[in-house]
Amino acid sequence: MNIAVKEVASVLNPPAPHMVGDGFRVHNFFPQGHKLKMSPFYLLDYNAKVNFSAREQPRGVGTHPHRGFETVTIAYQGAVAHHDSAGNSGIIYPGDVQWMTAGSGILHKEYHEQQYSLKGGYFQMVQLWVNLPAAFKMTTPKYQGIKASDIKEVVLPQNQGTVKVIAGHFDGIEGAASTFSPMEVYELRLNAGARLSLNFPAPYNTGLLVIEGTIQVNDLEKASADQFVHFKNEGTAFTVEALEDTIVLVLSGEPINEPIASYGPFLMNRPEEIQQALADYNQGKFGYLEE
């Protein structure tokens, strides 16, 4: 049986960076930087590797609200602390993932972990906003603090590397995160010369963020560190070859074919739901969290 190739639509350079608070220097690949179809992934902020100086007062983002989606932070270098109005808190270190479901509404803050801040050093993170289907937009907030040791990995044959399964399924391994719609989120750590075939349904929105190294996709398109590979919604299978030791974040998910109304930290379906979110926030219904 012939399997249709999922072709690359574009290889995208990182947009100009901007600061989120004073602790995150990010390239927004979408929705602002590039107009990509990547639902259920609504936003991708990539804090490419940057060296922060030592500081006693940790940098970060102060208390702010969210409703209607999930924030997912994946740590590569540095450490981030989190607190929210549902009483959750945690610190993620390299290899860890923080998966927060804002749902009906939450306040949270994120900042550099104290010891990292005192020492300074390299910092590298990914943050995703994952949309929630209408049926789950007002779900009870929750927090998944996923340690690197909780993320199962598939060891590829012949010392080619590993596939860490953050969400979804790969080679019979179930992802560490629970999700509200079908999606695949993997971290590939491929050694130079490794070649891996991946296969996702044609309608799924699919992309690769190259964290380190250089890859070649389908023996045609090259992409290097900090670039994003966006695929067409045609075909199912593609190959990734590591031209050097490489780290790649794989995103693929079933589109949520529902209207979107967005305003700042709120992601809903209709404008009136945004107005309700603002009213609820102003009335203190998202709880309390000190600055």
C-alpha atoms as a PDB file:
ATOM      1  CA  MET A   1       0.000   0.000   0.000  1.00  0.00           C
ATOM      2  CA  ASN A   2       1.371   3.399  -0.966  1.00  0.00           C
ATOM      3  CA  ILE A   3       1.401   5.962   1.843  1.00  0.00           C
ATOM      4  CA  ALA A   4       1.066   9.534   0.608  1.00  0.00           C
ATOM      5  CA  VAL A   5       3.890  11.829   1.675  1.00  0.00           C
ATOM      6  CA  LYS A   6       3.036  14.726   3.954  1.00  0.00           C
ATOM      7  CA  GLU A   7       4.864  17.555   2.219  1.00  0.00           C
ATOM      8  CA  VAL A   8       6.447  20.608   3.790  1.00  0.00           C
ATOM      9  CA  ALA A   9       4.495  23.823   3.226  1.00  0.00           C
ATOM     10  CA  SER A  10       7.248  26.133   4.497  1.00  0.00           C
ATOM     11  CA  VAL A  11      10.379  26.370   6.616  1.00  0.00           C
ATOM     12  CA  LEU A  12       9.986  29.492   8.735  1.00  0.00           C
ATOM     13  CA  ASN A  13      12.568  31.683  10.434  1.00  0.00           C
ATOM     14  CA  PRO A  14      11.884  32.911  13.957  1.00  0.00           C
ATOM     15  CA  PRO A  15      10.075  36.268  14.010  1.00  0.00           C
ATOM     16  CA  ALA A  16      11.768  39.178  15.799  1.00  0.00           C
ATOM     17  CA  PRO A  17      11.809  38.528  19.553  1.00  0.00           C
ATOM     18  CA  HIS A  18       9.868  40.445  22.180  1.00  0.00           C
ATOM     19  CA  MET A  19       9.766  40.319  25.953  1.00  0.00           C
ATOM     20  CA  VAL A  20       6.958  38.739  27.935  1.00  0.00           C
ATOM     21  CA  GLY A  21       7.321  40.319  31.336  1.00  0.00           C
ATOM     22  CA  ASP A  22      11.030  40.718  31.994  1.00  0.00           C
ATOM     23  CA  GLY A  23      11.858  37.005  32.096  1.00  0.00           C
ATOM     24  CA  PHE A  24      10.929  35.557  28.718  1.00  0.00           C
ATOM     25  CA  ARG A  25      12.474  36.697  25.426  1.00  0.00           C
ATOM     26  CA  VAL A  26      10.288  34.949  22.888  1.00  0.00           C
ATOM     27  CA  HIS A  27       9.827  34.500  19.166  1.00  0.00           C
ATOM     28  CA  ASN A  28       6.102  34.182  18.460  1.00  0.00           C
ATOM     29  CA  PHE A  29       5.815  31.754  15.554  1.00  0.00           C
ATOM     30  CA  PHE A  30       2.014  31.924  15.623  1.00  0.00           C
ATOM     31  CA  PRO A  31      -0.561  33.370  15.631  1.00  0.00           C
ATOM     32  CA  GLN A  32       1.141  36.792  15.272  1.00  0.00           C
ATOM     33  CA  GLY A  33       4.506  35.954  13.729  1.00  0.00           C
ATOM     34  CA  HIS A  34       3.290  33.669  10.944  1.00  0.00           C
ATOM     35  CA  LYS A  35      -0.329  33.095   9.990  1.00  0.00           C
ATOM     36  CA  LEU A  36      -0.359  29.314  10.326  1.00  0.00           C
ATOM     37  CA  LYS A  37      -3.155  26.798  10.651  1.00  0.00           C
ATOM     38  CA  MET A  38      -2.001  24.869  13.727  1.00  0.00           C
ATOM     39  CA  SER A  39      -5.204  24.241  15.723  1.00  0.00           C
ATOM     40  CA  PRO A  40      -5.503  22.893  18.407  1.00  0.00           C
ATOM     41  CA  PHE A  41      -2.214  24.731  19.041  1.00  0.00           C
ATOM     42  CA  TYR A  42      -3.205  28.404  19.133  1.00  0.00           C
ATOM     43  CA  LEU A  43       0.087  30.025  20.108  1.00  0.00           C
ATOM     44  CA  LEU A  44       3.759  29.089  20.014  1.00  0.00           C
ATOM     45  CA  ASP A  45       6.220  31.285  21.902  1.00  0.00           C
ATOM     46  CA  TYR A  46       9.798  30.080  21.680  1.00  0.00           C
ATOM     47  CA  ASN A  47      12.358  31.436  24.125  1.00  0.00           C
ATOM     48  CA  ALA A  48      15.429  30.607  22.055  1.00  0.00           C
ATOM     49  CA  LYS A  49      18.623  30.115  24.036  1.00  0.00           C
ATOM     50  CA  VAL A  50      19.573  33.330  25.831  1.00  0.00           C
ATOM     51  CA  ASN A  51      21.990  34.034  28.663  1.00  0.00           C
ATOM     52  CA  PHE A  52      20.398  35.861  31.605  1.00  0.00           C
ATOM     53  CA  SER A  53      22.677  37.596  34.084  1.00  0.00           C
ATOM     54  CA  ALA A  54      22.529  36.708  37.780  1.00  0.00           C
ATOM     55  CA  ARG A  55      19.916  38.599  39.747  1.00  0.00           C
ATOM     56  CA  GLU A  56      18.522  38.499  43.293  1.00  0.00           C
ATOM     57  CA  GLN A  57      14.974  39.457  42.296  1.00  0.00           C
ATOM     58  CA  PRO A  58      13.759  36.787  39.862  1.00  0.00           C
ATOM     59  CA  ARG A  59      12.604  37.906  36.437  1.00  0.00           C
ATOM     60  CA  GLY A  60       9.256  36.706  35.178  1.00  0.00           C
ATOM     61  CA  VAL A  61       5.609  37.506  34.507  1.00  0.00           C
ATOM     62  CA  GLY A  62       3.386  38.758  37.304  1.00  0.00           C
ATOM     63  CA  THR A  63      -0.123  37.601  38.172  1.00  0.00           C
ATOM     64  CA  HIS A  64      -2.442  37.461  35.148  1.00  0.00           C
ATOM     65  CA  PRO A  65      -5.648  35.600  34.171  1.00  0.00           C
ATOM     66  CA  HIS A  66      -6.473  32.930  31.595  1.00  0.00           C
ATOM     67  CA  ARG A  67      -9.701  31.280  30.449  1.00  0.00           C
ATOM     68  CA  GLY A  68     -10.669  28.840  27.717  1.00  0.00           C
ATOM     69  CA  PHE A  69      -7.391  27.082  26.916  1.00  0.00           C
ATOM     70  CA  GLU A  70      -4.270  25.410  28.318  1.00  0.00           C
ATOM     71  CA  THR A  71      -0.734  26.738  28.727  1.00  0.00           C
ATOM     72  CA  VAL A  72       2.070  24.241  28.173  1.00  0.00           C
ATOM     73  CA  THR A  73       5.650  25.124  29.102  1.00  0.00           C
ATOM     74  CA  ILE A  74       8.521  22.829  28.097  1.00  0.00           C
ATOM     75  CA  ALA A  75      11.901  23.484  29.709  1.00  0.00           C
ATOM     76  CA  TYR A  76      15.215  22.967  27.897  1.00  0.00           C
ATOM     77  CA  GLN A  77      17.578  25.178  29.903  1.00  0.00           C
ATOM     78  CA  GLY A  78      17.020  27.172  33.073  1.00  0.00           C
ATOM     79  CA  ALA A  79      14.208  26.727  35.584  1.00  0.00           C
ATOM     80  CA  VAL A  80      10.737  28.253  35.959  1.00  0.00           C
ATOM     81  CA  ALA A  81       8.534  28.472  39.043  1.00  0.00           C
ATOM     82  CA  HIS A  82       4.731  28.609  38.826  1.00  0.00           C
ATOM     83  CA  HIS A  83       1.933  29.595  41.211  1.00  0.00           C
ATOM     84  CA  ASP A  84      -1.789  29.805  40.478  1.00  0.00           C
ATOM     85  CA  SER A  85      -5.044  30.751  42.181  1.00  0.00           C
ATOM     86  CA  ALA A  86      -6.178  27.104  42.354  1.00  0.00           C
ATOM     87  CA  GLY A  87      -3.388  26.484  44.856  1.00  0.00           C
ATOM     88  CA  ASN A  88      -1.007  24.759  42.454  1.00  0.00           C
ATOM     89  CA  SER A  89       2.692  25.478  42.406  1.00  0.00           C
ATOM     90  CA  GLY A  90       5.761  23.845  40.968  1.00  0.00           C
ATOM     91  CA  ILE A  91       9.189  24.267  39.434  1.00  0.00           C
ATOM     92  CA  ILE A  92      10.181  22.876  36.067  1.00  0.00           C
ATOM     93  CA  TYR A  93      13.789  22.093  35.211  1.00  0.00           C
ATOM     94  CA  PRO A  94      15.296  20.959  31.883  1.00  0.00           C
ATOM     95  CA  GLY A  95      13.258  18.047  30.549  1.00  0.00           C
ATOM     96  CA  ASP A  96      10.169  18.892  32.599  1.00  0.00           C
ATOM     97  CA  VAL A  97       6.774  20.057  31.321  1.00  0.00           C
ATOM     98  CA  GLN A  98       4.141  22.233  32.985  1.00  0.00           C
ATOM     99  CA  TRP A  99       0.644  21.675  31.556  1.00  0.00           C
ATOM    100  CA  MET A 100      -1.914  24.061  33.064  1.00  0.00           C
ATOM    101  CA  THR A 101      -5.592  23.887  32.131  1.00  0.00           C
ATOM    102  CA  ALA A 102      -7.030  27.366  32.677  1.00  0.00           C
ATOM    103  CA  GLY A 103     -10.533  26.177  31.779  1.00  0.00           C
ATOM    104  CA  SER A 104     -13.191  28.293  33.488  1.00  0.00           C
ATOM    105  CA  GLY A 105     -10.626  30.749  34.768  1.00  0.00           C
ATOM    106  CA  ILE A 106      -7.415  30.974  36.737  1.00  0.00           C
ATOM    107  CA  LEU A 107      -4.780  33.478  37.816  1.00  0.00           C
ATOM    108  CA  HIS A 108      -1.143  32.476  37.579  1.00  0.00           C
ATOM    109  CA  LYS A 109       2.376  33.836  37.563  1.00  0.00           C
ATOM    110  CA  GLU A 110       5.607  32.432  36.148  1.00  0.00           C
ATOM    111  CA  TYR A 111       9.118  33.502  36.993  1.00  0.00           C
ATOM    112  CA  HIS A 112      12.707  32.307  37.074  1.00  0.00           C
ATOM    113  CA  GLU A 113      13.346  29.867  39.902  1.00  0.00           C
ATOM    114  CA  GLN A 114      15.281  31.469  42.765  1.00  0.00           C
ATOM    115  CA  GLN A 115      18.535  29.496  42.562  1.00  0.00           C
ATOM    116  CA  TYR A 116      18.712  29.806  38.792  1.00  0.00           C
ATOM    117  CA  SER A 117      18.081  33.524  39.112  1.00  0.00           C
ATOM    118  CA  LEU A 118      20.898  33.940  41.621  1.00  0.00           C
ATOM    119  CA  LYS A 119      23.356  32.147  39.332  1.00  0.00           C
ATOM    120  CA  GLY A 120      22.062  33.249  35.938  1.00  0.00           C
ATOM    121  CA  GLY A 121      22.966  31.302  32.816  1.00  0.00           C
ATOM    122  CA  TYR A 122      21.372  29.899  29.709  1.00  0.00           C
ATOM    123  CA  PHE A 123      17.587  29.876  29.480  1.00  0.00           C
ATOM    124  CA  GLN A 124      15.545  28.093  26.794  1.00  0.00           C
ATOM    125  CA  MET A 125      11.823  27.324  26.896  1.00  0.00           C
ATOM    126  CA  VAL A 126       8.794  26.669  24.720  1.00  0.00           C
ATOM    127  CA  GLN A 127       5.304  27.845  25.641  1.00  0.00           C
ATOM    128  CA  LEU A 128       2.219  26.642  23.799  1.00  0.00           C
ATOM    129  CA  TRP A 129      -1.364  27.736  24.142  1.00  0.00           C
ATOM    130  CA  VAL A 130      -3.562  24.721  23.444  1.00  0.00           C
ATOM    131  CA  ASN A 131      -7.158  25.570  22.607  1.00  0.00           C
ATOM    132  CA  LEU A 132      -9.990  23.756  24.353  1.00  0.00           C
ATOM    133  CA  PRO A 133     -13.095  22.552  22.484  1.00  0.00           C
ATOM    134  CA  ALA A 134     -16.250  24.513  23.356  1.00  0.00           C
ATOM    135  CA  ALA A 135     -17.524  21.607  25.465  1.00  0.00           C
ATOM    136  CA  PHE A 136     -14.499  21.941  27.781  1.00  0.00           C
ATOM    137  CA  LYS A 137     -13.772  25.674  27.809  1.00  0.00           C
ATOM    138  CA  MET A 138     -15.369  26.041  31.244  1.00  0.00           C
ATOM    139  CA  THR A 139     -13.855  22.875  32.701  1.00  0.00           C
ATOM    140  CA  THR A 140     -12.427  23.043  36.220  1.00  0.00           C
ATOM    141  CA  PRO A 141      -8.837  24.354  36.175  1.00  0.00           C
ATOM    142  CA  LYS A 142      -6.112  21.801  36.759  1.00  0.00           C
ATOM    143  CA  TYR A 143      -2.334  21.529  36.723  1.00  0.00           C
ATOM    144  CA  GLN A 144      -0.096  18.754  35.434  1.00  0.00           C
ATOM    145  CA  GLY A 145       3.466  19.122  36.668  1.00  0.00           C
ATOM    146  CA  ILE A 146       5.249  16.536  34.520  1.00  0.00           C
ATOM    147  CA  LYS A 147       8.799  15.669  35.511  1.00  0.00           C
ATOM    148  CA  ALA A 148      11.277  14.414  32.940  1.00  0.00           C
ATOM    149  CA  SER A 149      11.229  11.046  34.713  1.00  0.00           C
ATOM    150  CA  ASP A 150       7.444  10.821  34.099  1.00  0.00           C
ATOM    151  CA  ILE A 151       7.837  11.130  30.330  1.00  0.00           C
ATOM    152  CA  LYS A 152       8.280   7.725  28.736  1.00  0.00           C
ATOM    153  CA  GLU A 153      10.606   7.461  25.798  1.00  0.00           C
ATOM    154  CA  VAL A 154      11.086   5.103  22.913  1.00  0.00           C
ATOM    155  CA  VAL A 155      14.719   4.188  22.318  1.00  0.00           C
ATOM    156  CA  LEU A 156      15.314   4.018  18.580  1.00  0.00           C
ATOM    157  CA  PRO A 157      17.351   1.124  17.161  1.00  0.00           C
ATOM    158  CA  GLN A 158      21.019   1.343  16.215  1.00  0.00           C
ATOM    159  CA  ASN A 159      21.774   4.220  18.581  1.00  0.00           C
ATOM    160  CA  GLN A 160      19.682   6.665  16.550  1.00  0.00           C
ATOM    161  CA  GLY A 161      18.294   8.455  19.610  1.00  0.00           C
ATOM    162  CA  THR A 162      15.005   8.682  21.478  1.00  0.00           C
ATOM    163  CA  VAL A 163      11.406   9.840  21.126  1.00  0.00           C
ATOM    164  CA  LYS A 164       9.930  11.310  24.325  1.00  0.00           C
ATOM    165  CA  VAL A 165       6.140  11.074  24.281  1.00  0.00           C
ATOM    166  CA  ILE A 166       4.750  14.156  26.029  1.00  0.00           C
ATOM    167  CA  ALA A 167       1.199  13.686  24.706  1.00  0.00           C
ATOM    168  CA  GLY A 168      -0.504  11.251  22.352  1.00  0.00           C
ATOM    169  CA  HIS A 169       0.959   7.868  21.430  1.00  0.00           C
ATOM    170  CA  PHE A 170       4.101   6.650  19.712  1.00  0.00           C
ATOM    171  CA  ASP A 171       5.098   3.044  19.105  1.00  0.00           C
ATOM    172  CA  GLY A 172       2.688   1.798  21.769  1.00  0.00           C
ATOM    173  CA  ILE A 173       3.825   4.315  24.392  1.00  0.00           C
ATOM    174  CA  GLU A 174       1.215   6.670  25.870  1.00  0.00           C
ATOM    175  CA  GLY A 175       2.072  10.319  26.496  1.00  0.00           C
ATOM    176  CA  ALA A 176       2.463  11.664  30.021  1.00  0.00           C
ATOM    177  CA  ALA A 177      -0.085  14.486  29.593  1.00  0.00           C
ATOM    178  CA  SER A 178      -3.842  14.090  29.417  1.00  0.00           C
ATOM    179  CA  THR A 179      -5.503  16.209  26.730  1.00  0.00           C
ATOM    180  CA  PHE A 180      -9.018  17.320  25.786  1.00  0.00           C
ATOM    181  CA  SER A 181      -8.650  16.704  22.042  1.00  0.00           C
ATOM    182  CA  PRO A 182      -6.462  14.392  19.955  1.00  0.00           C
ATOM    183  CA  MET A 183      -2.874  15.589  19.623  1.00  0.00           C
ATOM    184  CA  GLU A 184       0.663  14.300  19.399  1.00  0.00           C
ATOM    185  CA  VAL A 185       3.490  16.125  21.179  1.00  0.00           C
ATOM    186  CA  TYR A 186       6.911  14.469  21.042  1.00  0.00           C
ATOM    187  CA  GLU A 187      10.484  15.479  21.686  1.00  0.00           C
ATOM    188  CA  LEU A 188      12.961  13.890  19.287  1.00  0.00           C
ATOM    189  CA  ARG A 189      16.577  13.613  20.362  1.00  0.00           C
ATOM    190  CA  LEU A 190      18.256  12.257  17.266  1.00  0.00           C
ATOM    191  CA  ASN A 191      21.929  11.466  16.881  1.00  0.00           C
ATOM    192  CA  ALA A 192      23.737  12.538  13.723  1.00  0.00           C
ATOM    193  CA  GLY A 193      22.721  10.305  10.819  1.00  0.00           C
ATOM    194  CA  ALA A 194      19.495   9.088  12.448  1.00  0.00           C
ATOM    195  CA  ARG A 195      16.441   8.765  10.236  1.00  0.00           C
ATOM    196  CA  LEU A 196      12.898   8.556  11.597  1.00  0.00           C
ATOM    197  CA  SER A 197       9.545   8.141   9.859  1.00  0.00           C
ATOM    198  CA  LEU A 198       6.455   9.737  11.391  1.00  0.00           C
ATOM    199  CA  ASN A 199       2.860   9.275  10.346  1.00  0.00           C
ATOM    200  CA  PHE A 200      -0.115  11.501  11.237  1.00  0.00           C
ATOM    201  CA  PRO A 201      -3.606  11.782   9.733  1.00  0.00           C
ATOM    202  CA  ALA A 202      -3.749  14.086   6.710  1.00  0.00           C
ATOM    203  CA  PRO A 203      -6.173  16.608   8.303  1.00  0.00           C
ATOM    204  CA  TYR A 204      -3.961  17.045  11.393  1.00  0.00           C
ATOM    205  CA  ASN A 205      -2.083  20.334  11.614  1.00  0.00           C
ATOM    206  CA  THR A 206       1.578  19.415  11.924  1.00  0.00           C
ATOM    207  CA  GLY A 207       4.826  21.257  12.602  1.00  0.00           C
ATOM    208  CA  LEU A 208       8.382  20.750  13.826  1.00  0.00           C
ATOM    209  CA  LEU A 209      10.329  23.235  15.953  1.00  0.00           C
ATOM    210  CA  VAL A 210      14.069  22.649  15.717  1.00  0.00           C
ATOM    211  CA  ILE A 211      15.507  23.265  19.182  1.00  0.00           C
ATOM    212  CA  GLU A 212      19.097  22.217  18.436  1.00  0.00           C
ATOM    213  CA  GLY A 213      20.963  21.001  15.356  1.00  0.00           C
ATOM    214  CA  THR A 214      19.893  20.615  11.730  1.00  0.00           C
ATOM    215  CA  ILE A 215      17.422  18.243  10.095  1.00  0.00           C
ATOM    216  CA  GLN A 216      16.378  17.303   6.586  1.00  0.00           C
ATOM    217  CA  VAL A 217      12.713  16.500   5.974  1.00  0.00           C
ATOM    218  CA  ASN A 218      11.592  14.141   3.213  1.00  0.00           C
ATOM    219  CA  ASP A 219      15.149  14.247   1.796  1.00  0.00           C
ATOM    220  CA  LEU A 220      14.334  17.729   0.490  1.00  0.00           C
ATOM    221  CA  GLU A 221      13.939  20.523   3.024  1.00  0.00           C
ATOM    222  CA  LYS A 222      16.602  21.533   5.541  1.00  0.00           C
ATOM    223  CA  ALA A 223      15.801  23.265   8.827  1.00  0.00           C
ATOM    224  CA  SER A 224      18.204  24.424  11.508  1.00  0.00           C
ATOM    225  CA  ALA A 225      17.974  25.467  15.147  1.00  0.00           C
ATOM    226  CA  ASP A 226      15.200  27.992  15.887  1.00  0.00           C
ATOM    227  CA  GLN A 227      13.355  27.312  12.616  1.00  0.00           C
ATOM    228  CA  PHE A 228       9.827  25.906  12.298  1.00  0.00           C
ATOM    229  CA  VAL A 229       8.757  23.377   9.661  1.00  0.00           C
ATOM    230  CA  HIS A 230       5.076  23.653   8.719  1.00  0.00           C
ATOM    231  CA  PHE A 231       3.387  20.842   6.789  1.00  0.00           C
ATOM    232  CA  LYS A 232       0.567  20.749   4.271  1.00  0.00           C
ATOM    233  CA  ASN A 233      -2.743  19.156   5.290  1.00  0.00           C
ATOM    234  CA  GLU A 234      -2.220  16.429   2.710  1.00  0.00           C
ATOM    235  CA  GLY A 235      -0.594  13.028   2.967  1.00  0.00           C
ATOM    236  CA  THR A 236       0.305  11.270   6.173  1.00  0.00           C
ATOM    237  CA  ALA A 237       3.958  10.171   6.330  1.00  0.00           C
ATOM    238  CA  PHE A 238       7.225  12.093   6.385  1.00  0.00           C
ATOM    239  CA  THR A 239      10.842  11.442   7.301  1.00  0.00           C
ATOM    240  CA  VAL A 240      13.176  13.384   9.551  1.00  0.00           C
ATOM    241  CA  GLU A 241      16.925  12.906   9.144  1.00  0.00           C
ATOM    242  CA  ALA A 242      19.373  14.364  11.657  1.00  0.00           C
ATOM    243  CA  LEU A 243      22.307  16.002   9.875  1.00  0.00           C
ATOM    244  CA  GLU A 244      23.936  16.488  13.299  1.00  0.00           C
ATOM    245  CA  ASP A 245      22.881  15.786  16.886  1.00  0.00           C
ATOM    246  CA  THR A 246      19.438  17.322  17.022  1.00  0.00           C
ATOM    247  CA  ILE A 247      16.520  18.119  19.324  1.00  0.00           C
ATOM    248  CA  VAL A 248      13.130  18.594  17.656  1.00  0.00           C
ATOM    249  CA  LEU A 249       9.690  19.345  19.120  1.00  0.00           C
ATOM    250  CA  VAL A 250       6.943  17.600  17.128  1.00  0.00           C
ATOM    251  CA  LEU A 251       3.407  19.046  17.183  1.00  0.00           C
ATOM    252  CA  SER A 252       0.465  17.432  15.409  1.00  0.00           C
ATOM    253  CA  GLY A 253      -3.196  17.636  16.288  1.00  0.00           C
ATOM    254  CA  GLU A 254      -6.757  17.298  15.090  1.00  0.00           C
ATOM    255  CA  PRO A 255      -8.101  20.769  14.257  1.00  0.00           C
ATOM    256  CA  ILE A 256     -10.843  22.150  16.490  1.00  0.00           C
ATOM    257  CA  ASN A 257     -13.217  23.387  13.804  1.00  0.00           C
ATOM    258  CA  GLU A 258     -15.024  25.956  15.922  1.00  0.00           C
ATOM    259  CA  PRO A 259     -15.129  29.759  15.820  1.00  0.00           C
ATOM    260  CA  ILE A 260     -12.498  31.606  17.849  1.00  0.00           C
ATOM    261  CA  ALA A 261     -12.904  34.831  19.807  1.00  0.00           C
ATOM    262  CA  SER A 262      -9.686  35.928  21.473  1.00  0.00           C
ATOM    263  CA  TYR A 263      -8.769  38.871  23.617  1.00  0.00           C
ATOM    264  CA  GLY A 264      -5.477  39.023  25.480  1.00  0.00           C
ATOM    265  CA  PRO A 265      -5.400  36.091  27.910  1.00  0.00           C
ATOM    266  CA  PHE A 266      -8.874  34.785  26.992  1.00  0.00           C
ATOM    267  CA  LEU A 267      -9.627  32.320  24.194  1.00  0.00           C
ATOM    268  CA  MET A 268     -13.305  31.613  23.670  1.00  0.00           C
ATOM    269  CA  ASN A 269     -15.765  30.936  20.812  1.00  0.00           C
ATOM    270  CA  ARG A 270     -17.950  34.068  20.781  1.00  0.00           C
ATOM    271  CA  PRO A 271     -17.397  37.780  21.581  1.00  0.00           C
ATOM    272  CA  GLU A 272     -20.033  37.697  24.321  1.00  0.00           C
ATOM    273  CA  GLU A 273     -17.990  34.979  26.080  1.00  0.00           C
ATOM    274  CA  ILE A 274     -15.010  37.339  26.083  1.00  0.00           C
ATOM    275  CA  GLN A 275     -17.188  40.030  27.676  1.00  0.00           C
ATOM    276  CA  GLN A 276     -18.309  37.512  30.294  1.00  0.00           C
ATOM    277  CA  ALA A 277     -14.705  36.525  30.987  1.00  0.00           C
ATOM    278  CA  LEU A 278     -13.753  40.175  31.541  1.00  0.00           C
ATOM    279  CA  ALA A 279     -16.743  40.679  33.851  1.00  0.00           C
ATOM    280  CA  ASP A 280     -15.956  37.524  35.841  1.00  0.00           C
ATOM    281  CA  TYR A 281     -12.303  38.512  36.151  1.00  0.00           C
ATOM    282  CA  ASN A 282     -13.197  42.014  37.334  1.00  0.00           C
ATOM    283  CA  GLN A 283     -15.610  40.518  39.876  1.00  0.00           C
ATOM    284  CA  GLY A 284     -12.853  38.333  41.349  1.00  0.00           C
ATOM    285  CA  LYS A 285     -14.295  35.037  40.132  1.00  0.00           C
ATOM    286  CA  PHE A 286     -10.869  33.781  39.025  1.00  0.00           C
ATOM    287  CA  GLY A 287      -9.731  33.568  42.629  1.00  0.00           C
ATOM    288  CA  TYR A 288      -6.881  35.423  44.300  1.00  0.00           C
ATOM    289  CA  LEU A 289      -3.133  35.302  43.863  1.00  0.00           C
ATOM    290  CA  GLU A 290      -0.769  37.859  45.326  1.00  0.00           C
ATOM    291  CA  GLU A 291       1.701  39.591  43.037  1.00  0.00           C
END
